[in-house]
């Protein structure tokens, strides 16, 4: 009787181990698939930025942002007076 119980316990443990290994393989595949999709999305975004001309004159935007900050700061100082 003990022999049957021991065999059954070993069988159950093997099934659990196989289930865990399958789950681990599935999660690993899923992680690589998500990373691949994220890389593809970044590549698409980069190509879109090049095609729309976002990298043509990168210095001009610096001055536009600075001017907007100055106007914003002057507006805040005017409200505080």
N, C-alpha and C. Protein backbone atom coordinates (compact mmCIF):
# COMPACT_ATOMS: atom_id res chain seq x y z
N UNK A 1 0.82 -1.19 0.00
CA UNK A 1 0.00 0.00 0.00
C UNK A 1 0.87 1.27 0.00
N UNK A 2 1.95 1.23 0.78
CA UNK A 2 2.85 2.39 0.82
C UNK A 2 3.50 2.60 -0.54
N UNK A 3 3.80 1.51 -1.21
CA UNK A 3 4.43 1.60 -2.52
C UNK A 3 3.52 2.32 -3.51
N UNK A 4 2.23 2.02 -3.47
CA UNK A 4 1.26 2.66 -4.37
C UNK A 4 1.15 4.14 -4.03
N UNK A 5 1.11 4.48 -2.77
CA UNK A 5 1.02 5.89 -2.35
C UNK A 5 2.27 6.65 -2.77
N UNK A 6 3.42 6.03 -2.64
CA UNK A 6 4.66 6.67 -3.03
C UNK A 6 4.69 6.90 -4.54
N UNK A 7 4.29 5.90 -5.29
CA UNK A 7 4.26 6.05 -6.75
C UNK A 7 3.28 7.15 -7.17
N UNK A 8 2.12 7.19 -6.51
CA UNK A 8 1.14 8.22 -6.81
C UNK A 8 1.70 9.61 -6.49
N UNK A 9 2.37 9.74 -5.37
CA UNK A 9 2.98 11.02 -4.98
C UNK A 9 4.03 11.44 -5.99
N UNK A 10 4.87 10.52 -6.42
CA UNK A 10 5.89 10.84 -7.42
C UNK A 10 5.24 11.25 -8.73
N UNK A 11 4.17 10.55 -9.12
CA UNK A 11 3.47 10.89 -10.35
C UNK A 11 2.88 12.30 -10.27
N UNK A 12 2.27 12.64 -9.15
CA UNK A 12 1.68 13.97 -8.98
C UNK A 12 2.78 15.04 -9.02
N UNK A 13 3.90 14.78 -8.38
CA UNK A 13 5.00 15.75 -8.39
C UNK A 13 5.56 15.94 -9.79
N UNK A 14 5.65 14.86 -10.56
CA UNK A 14 6.13 14.98 -11.95
C UNK A 14 5.17 15.82 -12.79
N UNK A 15 3.87 15.60 -12.60
CA UNK A 15 2.88 16.39 -13.34
C UNK A 15 2.98 17.87 -12.99
N UNK A 16 3.15 18.16 -11.71
CA UNK A 16 3.29 19.56 -11.28
C UNK A 16 4.55 20.18 -11.87
N UNK A 17 5.65 19.42 -11.89
CA UNK A 17 6.90 19.92 -12.44
C UNK A 17 6.75 20.18 -13.93
N UNK A 18 6.08 19.27 -14.65
CA UNK A 18 5.87 19.48 -16.08
C UNK A 18 5.01 20.72 -16.32
N UNK A 19 4.00 20.92 -15.48
CA UNK A 19 3.15 22.09 -15.61
C UNK A 19 3.95 23.36 -15.37
N UNK A 20 4.81 23.37 -14.36
CA UNK A 20 5.62 24.54 -14.06
C UNK A 20 6.62 24.83 -15.17
N UNK A 21 7.22 23.79 -15.74
CA UNK A 21 8.16 23.98 -16.84
C UNK A 21 7.45 24.55 -18.05
N UNK A 22 6.25 24.03 -18.36
CA UNK A 22 5.49 24.55 -19.48
C UNK A 22 5.12 26.00 -19.25
N UNK A 23 4.71 26.33 -18.03
CA UNK A 23 4.35 27.70 -17.70
C UNK A 23 5.56 28.62 -17.82
N UNK A 24 6.71 28.18 -17.37
CA UNK A 24 7.92 28.98 -17.46
C UNK A 24 8.31 29.21 -18.92
N UNK A 25 8.21 28.18 -19.75
CA UNK A 25 8.51 28.33 -21.17
C UNK A 25 7.53 29.30 -21.83
N UNK A 26 6.27 29.22 -21.47
CA UNK A 26 5.27 30.11 -22.04
C UNK A 26 5.54 31.55 -21.62
N UNK A 27 5.86 31.79 -20.35
CA UNK A 27 6.15 33.14 -19.89
C UNK A 27 7.40 33.70 -20.55
N UNK A 28 8.41 32.88 -20.74
CA UNK A 28 9.63 33.34 -21.40
C UNK A 28 9.34 33.72 -22.85
N UNK A 29 8.58 32.89 -23.55
CA UNK A 29 8.20 33.22 -24.92
C UNK A 29 7.40 34.51 -24.96
N UNK A 30 6.48 34.67 -24.04
CA UNK A 30 5.64 35.86 -23.97
C UNK A 30 6.48 37.11 -23.73
N UNK A 31 7.46 37.03 -22.86
CA UNK A 31 8.33 38.18 -22.59
C UNK A 31 9.12 38.57 -23.83
N UNK A 32 9.66 37.61 -24.55
CA UNK A 32 10.40 37.92 -25.78
C UNK A 32 9.48 38.50 -26.85
N UNK A 33 8.28 37.99 -26.94
CA UNK A 33 7.32 38.49 -27.91
C UNK A 33 6.95 39.94 -27.61
N UNK A 34 6.70 40.27 -26.36
CA UNK A 34 6.38 41.64 -25.97
C UNK A 34 7.57 42.56 -26.24
N UNK A 35 8.78 42.11 -25.92
CA UNK A 35 9.97 42.92 -26.19
C UNK A 35 10.14 43.16 -27.68
N UNK A 36 9.86 42.16 -28.49
CA UNK A 36 9.95 42.31 -29.94
C UNK A 36 8.93 43.33 -30.44
N UNK A 37 7.71 43.27 -29.93
CA UNK A 37 6.69 44.24 -30.32
C UNK A 37 7.07 45.66 -29.90
N UNK A 38 7.64 45.81 -28.72
CA UNK A 38 8.05 47.14 -28.26
C UNK A 38 9.18 47.69 -29.12
N UNK A 39 10.11 46.85 -29.51
CA UNK A 39 11.18 47.28 -30.40
C UNK A 39 10.64 47.69 -31.76
N UNK A 40 9.68 46.94 -32.26
CA UNK A 40 9.07 47.27 -33.55
C UNK A 40 8.32 48.59 -33.46
N UNK A 41 7.63 48.83 -32.36
CA UNK A 41 6.91 50.11 -32.18
C UNK A 41 7.89 51.27 -32.13
N UNK A 42 9.02 51.10 -31.44
CA UNK A 42 10.02 52.17 -31.39
C UNK A 42 10.60 52.43 -32.77
N UNK A 43 10.84 51.39 -33.54
CA UNK A 43 11.35 51.55 -34.89
C UNK A 43 10.34 52.29 -35.78
N UNK A 44 9.07 51.94 -35.66
CA UNK A 44 8.03 52.62 -36.43
C UNK A 44 7.95 54.09 -36.03
N UNK A 45 8.04 54.38 -34.76
CA UNK A 45 8.01 55.78 -34.30
C UNK A 45 9.21 56.55 -34.84
N UNK A 46 10.37 55.94 -34.85
CA UNK A 46 11.58 56.59 -35.37
C UNK A 46 11.44 56.87 -36.87
N UNK A 47 10.95 55.90 -37.62
CA UNK A 47 10.77 56.09 -39.06
C UNK A 47 9.73 57.18 -39.32
N UNK A 48 8.63 57.20 -38.54
CA UNK A 48 7.63 58.25 -38.67
C UNK A 48 8.24 59.62 -38.41
N UNK A 49 9.09 59.73 -37.39
CA UNK A 49 9.71 61.01 -37.07
C UNK A 49 10.63 61.48 -38.19
N UNK A 50 11.34 60.57 -38.80
CA UNK A 50 12.22 60.95 -39.92
C UNK A 50 11.39 61.39 -41.12
N UNK A 51 10.35 60.63 -41.45
CA UNK A 51 9.55 60.94 -42.63
C UNK A 51 8.77 62.25 -42.48
N UNK A 52 8.39 62.63 -41.27
CA UNK A 52 7.64 63.87 -41.08
C UNK A 52 8.55 65.07 -40.90
N UNK A 53 9.87 64.84 -40.88
CA UNK A 53 10.81 65.95 -40.82
C UNK A 53 11.11 66.46 -39.41
N UNK A 54 10.89 65.65 -38.42
CA UNK A 54 11.15 66.08 -37.04
C UNK A 54 12.63 66.19 -36.72
N UNK A 55 13.51 65.65 -37.55
CA UNK A 55 14.94 65.72 -37.28
C UNK A 55 15.66 66.68 -38.22
N UNK A 56 14.91 67.49 -38.97
CA UNK A 56 15.56 68.39 -39.92
C UNK A 56 16.23 69.58 -39.24
N UNK A 57 15.51 70.31 -38.40
CA UNK A 57 16.05 71.50 -37.75
C UNK A 57 15.81 71.38 -36.25
N UNK A 58 16.71 70.69 -35.57
CA UNK A 58 16.51 70.43 -34.15
C UNK A 58 16.90 71.62 -33.28
N UNK A 59 17.64 72.57 -33.81
CA UNK A 59 18.05 73.73 -33.03
C UNK A 59 16.91 74.74 -32.88
N UNK A 60 16.05 74.85 -33.86
CA UNK A 60 14.97 75.84 -33.82
C UNK A 60 13.99 75.56 -32.69
N UNK A 61 13.71 74.31 -32.44
CA UNK A 61 12.75 73.98 -31.38
C UNK A 61 13.28 74.38 -30.02
N UNK A 62 14.58 74.34 -29.86
CA UNK A 62 15.17 74.75 -28.59
C UNK A 62 14.80 76.20 -28.28
N UNK A 63 14.91 77.07 -29.26
CA UNK A 63 14.60 78.47 -29.05
C UNK A 63 13.09 78.70 -28.87
N UNK A 64 12.26 77.92 -29.54
CA UNK A 64 10.82 78.05 -29.36
C UNK A 64 10.41 77.67 -27.94
N UNK A 65 11.00 76.60 -27.43
CA UNK A 65 10.68 76.18 -26.06
C UNK A 65 11.15 77.22 -25.07
N UNK A 66 12.33 77.79 -25.29
CA UNK A 66 12.85 78.83 -24.40
C UNK A 66 11.94 80.05 -24.40
N UNK A 67 11.49 80.47 -25.58
CA UNK A 67 10.60 81.62 -25.66
C UNK A 67 9.28 81.35 -24.95
N UNK A 68 8.76 80.13 -25.09
CA UNK A 68 7.51 79.79 -24.40
C UNK A 68 7.70 79.80 -22.89
N UNK A 69 8.85 79.35 -22.41
CA UNK A 69 9.11 79.37 -20.98
C UNK A 69 9.21 80.80 -20.46
N UNK A 70 9.86 81.68 -21.23
CA UNK A 70 9.99 83.07 -20.81
C UNK A 70 8.61 83.71 -20.72
N UNK A 71 7.77 83.50 -21.72
CA UNK A 71 6.43 84.06 -21.71
C UNK A 71 5.64 83.51 -20.52
N UNK A 72 5.77 82.22 -20.26
CA UNK A 72 5.07 81.60 -19.15
C UNK A 72 5.54 82.18 -17.81
N UNK A 73 6.84 82.34 -17.65
CA UNK A 73 7.39 82.90 -16.41
C UNK A 73 6.95 84.35 -16.21
N UNK A 74 6.93 85.12 -17.29
CA UNK A 74 6.50 86.51 -17.19
C UNK A 74 5.02 86.59 -16.80
N UNK A 75 4.22 85.68 -17.31
CA UNK A 75 2.81 85.62 -16.94
C UNK A 75 2.62 85.28 -15.48
N UNK A 76 3.43 84.37 -14.97
CA UNK A 76 3.34 84.01 -13.55
C UNK A 76 3.78 85.14 -12.66
N UNK A 77 4.82 85.86 -13.07
CA UNK A 77 5.31 86.99 -12.27
C UNK A 77 4.29 88.12 -12.27
N UNK A 78 3.60 88.32 -13.40
CA UNK A 78 2.59 89.36 -13.48
C UNK A 78 1.40 89.08 -12.60
N UNK A 79 1.04 87.82 -12.44
CA UNK A 79 -0.09 87.44 -11.57
C UNK A 79 0.27 87.58 -10.09
N UNK A 80 1.53 87.40 -9.76
CA UNK A 80 1.95 87.46 -8.36
C UNK A 80 2.08 88.90 -7.87
N UNK A 81 2.14 89.88 -8.74
CA UNK A 81 2.30 91.27 -8.31
C UNK A 81 1.05 91.85 -7.78
